[in-house]
Amino acid sequence: MRRQPLGLLRSLVVISDWISFADPDKQADIKWFYKNQDVESIKTSSVIFIPVDFSRLILYNLSYILLHGVGIYWTKFSLGKKITTDNRYLTGLVIPEEKWLNNHFNTEPFVFPPFNDFMISGDNLLEFSFNALQVQEDYAGQSRQAFERGKILTQLVFPLKEPLVMLRKATEKKEEFYYSPAPMRVLICEFFNNIFVNEIALESTNSIYEENIPGIQRIKPNLLEIFPKKWKNEVYLDGLRRDVSRISEDFALIGASMILH
């Protein structure tokens, strides 16, 4: 049985507890609000991201990984006795390189270990290879595939099926990530010597996206101010939008069914 072409799909990154990952020292001190109501507790704050490419940003001798692709921030929280969910779709994710290395098996994003399709990650950041989910012809490959499939079910599908389905539907409709009109939205773990911590930077003003959401400290249309050299380069931006659109389509047509079947 021939392997299915994967297009631009390489891996899927999961951060199951975004608040602890982004800002562990201050999470207990933050009071969250949602539509002018106090949030009693946050049950889940998670990120699912499918990268298409990455770049390094170096400022003040500090290095950061900027992932490009499609993803979703999803949170479940309580307003009194009512359990509520909300989400924001993403096209970028910024993580300090040291934090990436401390929570990741590989030193480089998207560089898989030789002769090994299976990713091993830390407790806070998980990465799954789409190649590992393909049909395996030999017995050893089938055993590894079964192991990887079990990891995906227990660590991704079972706890995060709702945002996975939402991301699949968003990529199928193409409204959120389509090449021409879709704005860029980057979730920042930490950047610029802690000036930006746990916030979403938008390319343009969007009243819906700028509404506060539990687990994210700020959402502002300041992407061009934070990364001016990248996002003011029209040729670069044009190519980036095209890649984001293509991986969105690949996930809708190929990747989602591989994970959710």
C-alpha atoms as a PDB file:
ATOM      1  CA  MET A   1       0.000   0.000   0.000  1.00  0.00           C
ATOM      2  CA  ARG A   2       1.545   3.297  -1.073  1.00  0.00           C
ATOM      3  CA  ARG A   3       2.107   6.105   1.370  1.00  0.00           C
ATOM      4  CA  GLN A   4      -0.187   9.081   1.028  1.00  0.00           C
ATOM      5  CA  PRO A   5       1.500  12.349  -0.050  1.00  0.00           C
ATOM      6  CA  LEU A   6       1.643  14.771   2.872  1.00  0.00           C
ATOM      7  CA  GLY A   7       2.067  18.056   1.016  1.00  0.00           C
ATOM      8  CA  LEU A   8       3.619  20.573   3.404  1.00  0.00           C
ATOM      9  CA  LEU A   9       2.612  18.671   6.545  1.00  0.00           C
ATOM     10  CA  ARG A  10       5.532  17.752   8.780  1.00  0.00           C
ATOM     11  CA  SER A  11       4.423  17.876  12.373  1.00  0.00           C
ATOM     12  CA  LEU A  12       1.791  19.045  14.811  1.00  0.00           C
ATOM     13  CA  VAL A  13       2.831  20.942  17.955  1.00  0.00           C
ATOM     14  CA  VAL A  14       0.738  20.763  21.124  1.00  0.00           C
ATOM     15  CA  ILE A  15       1.100  22.867  24.268  1.00  0.00           C
ATOM     16  CA  SER A  16      -1.491  21.408  26.609  1.00  0.00           C
ATOM     17  CA  ASP A  17      -1.136  23.987  29.410  1.00  0.00           C
ATOM     18  CA  TRP A  18      -0.382  27.282  27.712  1.00  0.00           C
ATOM     19  CA  ILE A  19      -0.594  29.474  30.823  1.00  0.00           C
ATOM     20  CA  SER A  20       2.007  27.437  32.707  1.00  0.00           C
ATOM     21  CA  PHE A  21       4.196  27.242  29.609  1.00  0.00           C
ATOM     22  CA  ALA A  22       4.060  30.945  28.758  1.00  0.00           C
ATOM     23  CA  ASP A  23       4.313  32.566  32.168  1.00  0.00           C
ATOM     24  CA  PRO A  24       4.696  30.034  35.010  1.00  0.00           C
ATOM     25  CA  ASP A  25       5.885  32.554  37.613  1.00  0.00           C
ATOM     26  CA  LYS A  26       2.843  34.841  37.383  1.00  0.00           C
ATOM     27  CA  GLN A  27      -0.030  32.532  36.558  1.00  0.00           C
ATOM     28  CA  ALA A  28      -1.295  32.368  40.146  1.00  0.00           C
ATOM     29  CA  ASP A  29      -1.396  36.178  40.415  1.00  0.00           C
ATOM     30  CA  ILE A  30      -3.457  36.895  37.298  1.00  0.00           C
ATOM     31  CA  LYS A  31      -7.160  37.635  37.566  1.00  0.00           C
ATOM     32  CA  TRP A  32      -8.949  36.679  34.357  1.00  0.00           C
ATOM     33  CA  PHE A  33     -12.088  38.294  32.974  1.00  0.00           C
ATOM     34  CA  TYR A  34     -14.455  37.370  30.174  1.00  0.00           C
ATOM     35  CA  LYS A  35     -17.113  39.728  28.795  1.00  0.00           C
ATOM     36  CA  ASN A  36     -17.049  41.809  31.975  1.00  0.00           C
ATOM     37  CA  GLN A  37     -17.394  38.767  34.203  1.00  0.00           C
ATOM     38  CA  ASP A  38     -14.914  37.263  36.645  1.00  0.00           C
ATOM     39  CA  VAL A  39     -13.501  33.921  35.577  1.00  0.00           C
ATOM     40  CA  GLU A  40     -13.740  31.545  38.501  1.00  0.00           C
ATOM     41  CA  SER A  41     -11.207  29.058  37.135  1.00  0.00           C
ATOM     42  CA  ILE A  42      -9.550  28.023  33.886  1.00  0.00           C
ATOM     43  CA  LYS A  43      -9.921  24.321  33.217  1.00  0.00           C
ATOM     44  CA  THR A  44      -7.870  24.181  30.004  1.00  0.00           C
ATOM     45  CA  SER A  45      -5.694  26.589  28.004  1.00  0.00           C
ATOM     46  CA  SER A  46      -4.146  24.813  25.056  1.00  0.00           C
ATOM     47  CA  VAL A  47      -2.406  25.483  21.756  1.00  0.00           C
ATOM     48  CA  ILE A  48      -2.496  23.252  18.685  1.00  0.00           C
ATOM     49  CA  PHE A  49      -0.220  24.409  15.870  1.00  0.00           C
ATOM     50  CA  ILE A  50       0.748  22.953  12.476  1.00  0.00           C
ATOM     51  CA  PRO A  51       3.972  24.661  11.340  1.00  0.00           C
ATOM     52  CA  VAL A  52       4.919  25.158   7.716  1.00  0.00           C
ATOM     53  CA  ASP A  53       8.254  26.874   8.364  1.00  0.00           C
ATOM     54  CA  PHE A  54      10.265  28.661  11.034  1.00  0.00           C
ATOM     55  CA  SER A  55      12.744  31.467  11.436  1.00  0.00           C
ATOM     56  CA  ARG A  56      15.081  32.634  14.179  1.00  0.00           C
ATOM     57  CA  LEU A  57      14.890  36.095  15.684  1.00  0.00           C
ATOM     58  CA  ILE A  58      17.839  37.384  17.710  1.00  0.00           C
ATOM     59  CA  LEU A  59      17.507  40.464  19.935  1.00  0.00           C
ATOM     60  CA  TYR A  60      19.867  41.532  22.716  1.00  0.00           C
ATOM     61  CA  ASN A  61      21.735  38.220  22.395  1.00  0.00           C
ATOM     62  CA  LEU A  62      18.509  36.302  23.004  1.00  0.00           C
ATOM     63  CA  SER A  63      17.217  33.889  20.380  1.00  0.00           C
ATOM     64  CA  TYR A  64      13.586  33.121  19.597  1.00  0.00           C
ATOM     65  CA  ILE A  65      11.834  30.592  17.359  1.00  0.00           C
ATOM     66  CA  LEU A  66       9.050  32.010  15.181  1.00  0.00           C
ATOM     67  CA  LEU A  67       6.866  29.241  13.777  1.00  0.00           C
ATOM     68  CA  HIS A  68       4.644  29.984  10.782  1.00  0.00           C
ATOM     69  CA  GLY A  69       1.566  27.921   9.985  1.00  0.00           C
ATOM     70  CA  VAL A  70      -2.000  27.404  11.187  1.00  0.00           C
ATOM     71  CA  GLY A  71      -3.247  26.783  14.686  1.00  0.00           C
ATOM     72  CA  ILE A  72      -5.720  27.466  17.436  1.00  0.00           C
ATOM     73  CA  TYR A  73      -5.630  28.716  21.008  1.00  0.00           C
ATOM     74  CA  TRP A  74      -8.515  27.102  22.908  1.00  0.00           C
ATOM     75  CA  THR A  75      -9.629  27.565  26.485  1.00  0.00           C
ATOM     76  CA  LYS A  76     -12.310  26.084  28.737  1.00  0.00           C
ATOM     77  CA  PHE A  77     -13.207  28.008  31.872  1.00  0.00           C
ATOM     78  CA  SER A  78     -15.938  28.509  34.448  1.00  0.00           C
ATOM     79  CA  LEU A  79     -18.108  31.572  35.004  1.00  0.00           C
ATOM     80  CA  GLY A  80     -19.745  30.609  38.252  1.00  0.00           C
ATOM     81  CA  LYS A  81     -21.523  27.317  37.592  1.00  0.00           C
ATOM     82  CA  LYS A  82     -21.361  27.722  33.822  1.00  0.00           C
ATOM     83  CA  ILE A  83     -18.567  26.090  31.808  1.00  0.00           C
ATOM     84  CA  THR A  84     -17.617  28.136  28.733  1.00  0.00           C
ATOM     85  CA  THR A  85     -15.162  27.719  25.865  1.00  0.00           C
ATOM     86  CA  ASP A  86     -13.604  30.221  23.470  1.00  0.00           C
ATOM     87  CA  ASN A  87     -10.807  30.237  20.928  1.00  0.00           C
ATOM     88  CA  ARG A  88      -8.576  32.284  18.637  1.00  0.00           C
ATOM     89  CA  TYR A  89      -7.094  31.051  15.355  1.00  0.00           C
ATOM     90  CA  LEU A  90      -3.360  31.584  14.846  1.00  0.00           C
ATOM     91  CA  THR A  91      -0.878  31.856  11.987  1.00  0.00           C
ATOM     92  CA  GLY A  92       2.273  32.194  14.090  1.00  0.00           C
ATOM     93  CA  LEU A  93       3.835  31.157  17.389  1.00  0.00           C
ATOM     94  CA  VAL A  94       6.876  32.749  19.100  1.00  0.00           C
ATOM     95  CA  ILE A  95       8.822  30.758  21.697  1.00  0.00           C
ATOM     96  CA  PRO A  96      12.215  31.569  23.259  1.00  0.00           C
ATOM     97  CA  GLU A  97      14.714  29.138  21.767  1.00  0.00           C
ATOM     98  CA  GLU A  98      15.954  28.101  25.205  1.00  0.00           C
ATOM     99  CA  LYS A  99      12.415  27.155  26.200  1.00  0.00           C
ATOM    100  CA  TRP A 100      11.993  25.269  22.918  1.00  0.00           C
ATOM    101  CA  LEU A 101      15.188  23.297  23.589  1.00  0.00           C
ATOM    102  CA  ASN A 102      14.292  22.602  27.219  1.00  0.00           C
ATOM    103  CA  ASN A 103      10.937  21.146  26.174  1.00  0.00           C
ATOM    104  CA  HIS A 104      11.901  19.438  22.947  1.00  0.00           C
ATOM    105  CA  PHE A 105      13.851  16.441  21.712  1.00  0.00           C
ATOM    106  CA  ASN A 106      15.351  18.157  18.667  1.00  0.00           C
ATOM    107  CA  THR A 107      17.639  21.161  18.523  1.00  0.00           C
ATOM    108  CA  GLU A 108      16.018  22.349  15.293  1.00  0.00           C
ATOM    109  CA  PRO A 109      12.319  22.625  14.469  1.00  0.00           C
ATOM    110  CA  PHE A 110      11.229  20.131  11.805  1.00  0.00           C
ATOM    111  CA  VAL A 111      14.531  18.237  11.715  1.00  0.00           C
ATOM    112  CA  PHE A 112      13.482  14.682  12.523  1.00  0.00           C
ATOM    113  CA  PRO A 113      16.015  12.209  13.962  1.00  0.00           C
ATOM    114  CA  PRO A 114      17.627  10.100  11.207  1.00  0.00           C
ATOM    115  CA  PHE A 115      15.667   6.958  10.334  1.00  0.00           C
ATOM    116  CA  ASN A 116      13.065   7.787  12.965  1.00  0.00           C
ATOM    117  CA  ASP A 117       9.661   9.248  12.186  1.00  0.00           C
ATOM    118  CA  PHE A 118       8.575   9.506  15.801  1.00  0.00           C
ATOM    119  CA  MET A 119       8.957  12.573  17.942  1.00  0.00           C
ATOM    120  CA  ILE A 120       9.858  12.561  21.638  1.00  0.00           C
ATOM    121  CA  SER A 121       9.079  15.754  23.510  1.00  0.00           C
ATOM    122  CA  GLY A 122       8.920  17.135  27.028  1.00  0.00           C
ATOM    123  CA  ASP A 123       5.962  17.392  29.363  1.00  0.00           C
ATOM    124  CA  ASN A 124       4.957  20.905  28.330  1.00  0.00           C
ATOM    125  CA  LEU A 125       5.475  20.733  24.581  1.00  0.00           C
ATOM    126  CA  LEU A 126       4.573  17.748  22.419  1.00  0.00           C
ATOM    127  CA  GLU A 127       5.242  17.313  18.725  1.00  0.00           C
ATOM    128  CA  PHE A 128       3.841  14.561  16.520  1.00  0.00           C
ATOM    129  CA  SER A 129       5.126  13.647  13.080  1.00  0.00           C
ATOM    130  CA  PHE A 130       2.522  13.241  10.329  1.00  0.00           C
ATOM    131  CA  ASN A 131       4.925  10.890   8.612  1.00  0.00           C
ATOM    132  CA  ALA A 132       4.652   8.565  11.617  1.00  0.00           C
ATOM    133  CA  LEU A 133       0.919   8.184  11.024  1.00  0.00           C
ATOM    134  CA  GLN A 134       1.322   6.917   7.482  1.00  0.00           C
ATOM    135  CA  VAL A 135       0.878   3.273   6.574  1.00  0.00           C
ATOM    136  CA  GLN A 136       3.913   1.231   7.641  1.00  0.00           C
ATOM    137  CA  GLU A 137       4.812  -1.830   5.571  1.00  0.00           C
ATOM    138  CA  ASP A 138       7.214  -3.617   7.926  1.00  0.00           C
ATOM    139  CA  TYR A 139       6.401  -5.088  11.328  1.00  0.00           C
ATOM    140  CA  ALA A 140       8.712  -2.761  13.259  1.00  0.00           C
ATOM    141  CA  GLY A 141       7.158   0.239  11.546  1.00  0.00           C
ATOM    142  CA  GLN A 142       3.676  -0.996  12.351  1.00  0.00           C
ATOM    143  CA  SER A 143       4.624  -1.398  16.012  1.00  0.00           C
ATOM    144  CA  ARG A 144       6.031   2.119  16.143  1.00  0.00           C
ATOM    145  CA  GLN A 145       2.950   3.447  14.384  1.00  0.00           C
ATOM    146  CA  ALA A 146       0.672   1.763  16.931  1.00  0.00           C
ATOM    147  CA  PHE A 147       2.712   3.323  19.739  1.00  0.00           C
ATOM    148  CA  GLU A 148       2.541   6.773  18.153  1.00  0.00           C
ATOM    149  CA  ARG A 149      -1.168   6.383  17.498  1.00  0.00           C
ATOM    150  CA  GLY A 150      -1.705   5.588  21.179  1.00  0.00           C
ATOM    151  CA  LYS A 151       0.219   8.718  22.183  1.00  0.00           C
ATOM    152  CA  ILE A 152      -1.870  10.862  19.863  1.00  0.00           C
ATOM    153  CA  LEU A 153      -5.128   9.450  21.186  1.00  0.00           C
ATOM    154  CA  THR A 154      -4.236   9.917  24.858  1.00  0.00           C
ATOM    155  CA  GLN A 155      -2.367  13.226  24.616  1.00  0.00           C
ATOM    156  CA  LEU A 156      -4.165  14.972  21.772  1.00  0.00           C
ATOM    157  CA  VAL A 157      -7.440  13.498  20.509  1.00  0.00           C
ATOM    158  CA  PHE A 158      -9.086  12.562  23.805  1.00  0.00           C
ATOM    159  CA  PRO A 159      -8.332  15.796  25.736  1.00  0.00           C
ATOM    160  CA  LEU A 160      -8.417  18.200  22.773  1.00  0.00           C
ATOM    161  CA  LYS A 161     -10.874  16.770  20.274  1.00  0.00           C
ATOM    162  CA  GLU A 162     -13.097  19.868  20.349  1.00  0.00           C
ATOM    163  CA  PRO A 163     -10.388  22.365  19.245  1.00  0.00           C
ATOM    164  CA  LEU A 164      -9.046  19.817  16.746  1.00  0.00           C
ATOM    165  CA  VAL A 165     -12.456  19.576  15.099  1.00  0.00           C
ATOM    166  CA  MET A 166     -12.777  23.374  15.160  1.00  0.00           C
ATOM    167  CA  LEU A 167      -9.402  23.750  13.459  1.00  0.00           C
ATOM    168  CA  ARG A 168     -10.355  21.180  10.839  1.00  0.00           C
ATOM    169  CA  LYS A 169     -13.594  23.020  10.052  1.00  0.00           C
ATOM    170  CA  ALA A 170     -11.779  26.365   9.888  1.00  0.00           C
ATOM    171  CA  THR A 171      -9.219  25.015   7.410  1.00  0.00           C
ATOM    172  CA  GLU A 172     -11.959  23.385   5.327  1.00  0.00           C
ATOM    173  CA  LYS A 173     -13.849  26.669   4.964  1.00  0.00           C
ATOM    174  CA  LYS A 174     -10.623  28.571   4.114  1.00  0.00           C
ATOM    175  CA  GLU A 175     -12.017  31.789   5.603  1.00  0.00           C
ATOM    176  CA  GLU A 176      -9.491  32.025   8.436  1.00  0.00           C
ATOM    177  CA  PHE A 177      -6.310  31.142   6.558  1.00  0.00           C
ATOM    178  CA  TYR A 178      -6.964  31.780   2.880  1.00  0.00           C
ATOM    179  CA  TYR A 179      -4.015  33.344   1.048  1.00  0.00           C
ATOM    180  CA  SER A 180      -5.268  36.800   0.088  1.00  0.00           C
ATOM    181  CA  PRO A 181      -7.571  38.233   2.772  1.00  0.00           C
ATOM    182  CA  ALA A 182      -6.528  36.396   5.959  1.00  0.00           C
ATOM    183  CA  PRO A 183      -4.603  38.572   8.448  1.00  0.00           C
ATOM    184  CA  MET A 184      -1.609  37.257  10.377  1.00  0.00           C
ATOM    185  CA  ARG A 185      -2.111  36.502  14.071  1.00  0.00           C
ATOM    186  CA  VAL A 186       0.928  35.542  16.170  1.00  0.00           C
ATOM    187  CA  LEU A 187       0.777  34.104  19.682  1.00  0.00           C
ATOM    188  CA  ILE A 188       3.804  35.246  21.669  1.00  0.00           C
ATOM    189  CA  CYS A 189       5.058  33.201  24.569  1.00  0.00           C
ATOM    190  CA  GLU A 190       7.794  35.680  25.411  1.00  0.00           C
ATOM    191  CA  PHE A 191       9.693  38.201  23.303  1.00  0.00           C
ATOM    192  CA  PHE A 192      11.885  41.290  23.404  1.00  0.00           C
ATOM    193  CA  ASN A 193      13.412  40.724  26.827  1.00  0.00           C
ATOM    194  CA  ASN A 194      10.041  40.074  28.524  1.00  0.00           C
ATOM    195  CA  ILE A 195       8.368  43.212  27.192  1.00  0.00           C
ATOM    196  CA  PHE A 196       5.861  41.001  25.394  1.00  0.00           C
ATOM    197  CA  VAL A 197       4.690  37.990  27.401  1.00  0.00           C
ATOM    198  CA  ASN A 198       1.677  35.808  26.666  1.00  0.00           C
ATOM    199  CA  GLU A 199      -0.132  37.905  24.104  1.00  0.00           C
ATOM    200  CA  ILE A 200      -1.481  37.731  20.574  1.00  0.00           C
ATOM    201  CA  ALA A 201      -0.176  40.279  18.074  1.00  0.00           C
ATOM    202  CA  LEU A 202      -2.558  41.003  15.188  1.00  0.00           C
ATOM    203  CA  GLU A 203      -1.635  42.358  11.781  1.00  0.00           C
ATOM    204  CA  SER A 204      -4.757  44.534  11.679  1.00  0.00           C
ATOM    205  CA  THR A 205      -7.574  45.609  13.951  1.00  0.00           C
ATOM    206  CA  ASN A 206     -10.275  42.997  14.483  1.00  0.00           C
ATOM    207  CA  SER A 207     -12.981  43.708  17.052  1.00  0.00           C
ATOM    208  CA  ILE A 208     -13.799  40.032  17.555  1.00  0.00           C
ATOM    209  CA  TYR A 209     -10.214  38.899  17.980  1.00  0.00           C
ATOM    210  CA  GLU A 210      -9.343  41.793  20.271  1.00  0.00           C
ATOM    211  CA  GLU A 211     -11.958  40.783  22.845  1.00  0.00           C
ATOM    212  CA  ASN A 212     -10.254  39.406  25.935  1.00  0.00           C
ATOM    213  CA  ILE A 213     -10.036  35.649  26.335  1.00  0.00           C
ATOM    214  CA  PRO A 214      -8.968  33.800  29.510  1.00  0.00           C
ATOM    215  CA  GLY A 215      -5.389  32.604  29.460  1.00  0.00           C
ATOM    216  CA  ILE A 216      -4.062  35.363  27.155  1.00  0.00           C
ATOM    217  CA  GLN A 217      -2.906  38.579  28.824  1.00  0.00           C
ATOM    218  CA  ARG A 218      -3.259  40.924  25.835  1.00  0.00           C
ATOM    219  CA  ILE A 219      -4.505  40.919  22.254  1.00  0.00           C
ATOM    220  CA  LYS A 220      -3.451  43.966  20.230  1.00  0.00           C
ATOM    221  CA  PRO A 221      -3.042  44.940  16.547  1.00  0.00           C
ATOM    222  CA  ASN A 222       0.680  45.599  17.009  1.00  0.00           C
ATOM    223  CA  LEU A 223       2.286  42.932  14.829  1.00  0.00           C
ATOM    224  CA  LEU A 224       3.885  45.488  12.503  1.00  0.00           C
ATOM    225  CA  GLU A 225       5.394  47.285  15.490  1.00  0.00           C
ATOM    226  CA  ILE A 226       6.882  44.137  17.055  1.00  0.00           C
ATOM    227  CA  PHE A 227       8.274  42.574  13.852  1.00  0.00           C
ATOM    228  CA  PRO A 228       8.640  45.497  11.420  1.00  0.00           C
ATOM    229  CA  LYS A 229      11.435  44.023   9.303  1.00  0.00           C
ATOM    230  CA  LYS A 230       9.426  40.908   8.485  1.00  0.00           C
ATOM    231  CA  TRP A 231       5.858  42.115   8.199  1.00  0.00           C
ATOM    232  CA  LYS A 232       6.596  45.281   6.231  1.00  0.00           C
ATOM    233  CA  ASN A 233       8.349  43.290   3.511  1.00  0.00           C
ATOM    234  CA  GLU A 234       5.541  42.701   1.004  1.00  0.00           C
ATOM    235  CA  VAL A 235       7.403  40.014  -0.945  1.00  0.00           C
ATOM    236  CA  TYR A 236       8.122  38.055   2.237  1.00  0.00           C
ATOM    237  CA  LEU A 237       4.578  38.502   3.510  1.00  0.00           C
ATOM    238  CA  ASP A 238       3.087  37.441   0.201  1.00  0.00           C
ATOM    239  CA  GLY A 239       5.056  34.203   0.238  1.00  0.00           C
ATOM    240  CA  LEU A 240       4.249  33.594   3.879  1.00  0.00           C
ATOM    241  CA  ARG A 241       0.510  33.980   3.278  1.00  0.00           C
ATOM    242  CA  ARG A 242       0.716  31.537   0.399  1.00  0.00           C
ATOM    243  CA  ASP A 243       2.491  28.931   2.546  1.00  0.00           C
ATOM    244  CA  VAL A 244      -0.003  29.367   5.383  1.00  0.00           C
ATOM    245  CA  SER A 245      -2.862  28.906   2.943  1.00  0.00           C
ATOM    246  CA  ARG A 246      -1.271  25.786   1.444  1.00  0.00           C
ATOM    247  CA  ILE A 247      -0.641  24.056   4.772  1.00  0.00           C
ATOM    248  CA  SER A 248      -4.158  24.972   5.848  1.00  0.00           C
ATOM    249  CA  GLU A 249      -5.478  23.139   2.806  1.00  0.00           C
ATOM    250  CA  ASP A 250      -3.139  20.184   3.400  1.00  0.00           C
ATOM    251  CA  PHE A 251      -4.380  19.833   6.969  1.00  0.00           C
ATOM    252  CA  ALA A 252      -8.014  20.021   5.867  1.00  0.00           C
ATOM    253  CA  LEU A 253      -7.589  17.454   3.091  1.00  0.00           C
ATOM    254  CA  ILE A 254      -4.969  15.128   4.592  1.00  0.00           C
ATOM    255  CA  GLY A 255      -3.801  15.791   8.153  1.00  0.00           C
ATOM    256  CA  ALA A 256      -7.101  16.090  10.023  1.00  0.00           C
ATOM    257  CA  SER A 257      -8.390  12.732   8.864  1.00  0.00           C
ATOM    258  CA  MET A 258      -5.075  11.053   9.747  1.00  0.00           C
ATOM    259  CA  ILE A 259      -5.426  12.247  13.335  1.00  0.00           C
ATOM    260  CA  LEU A 260      -9.179  12.048  13.869  1.00  0.00           C
ATOM    261  CA  HIS A 261     -10.081   8.854  11.984  1.00  0.00           C
END
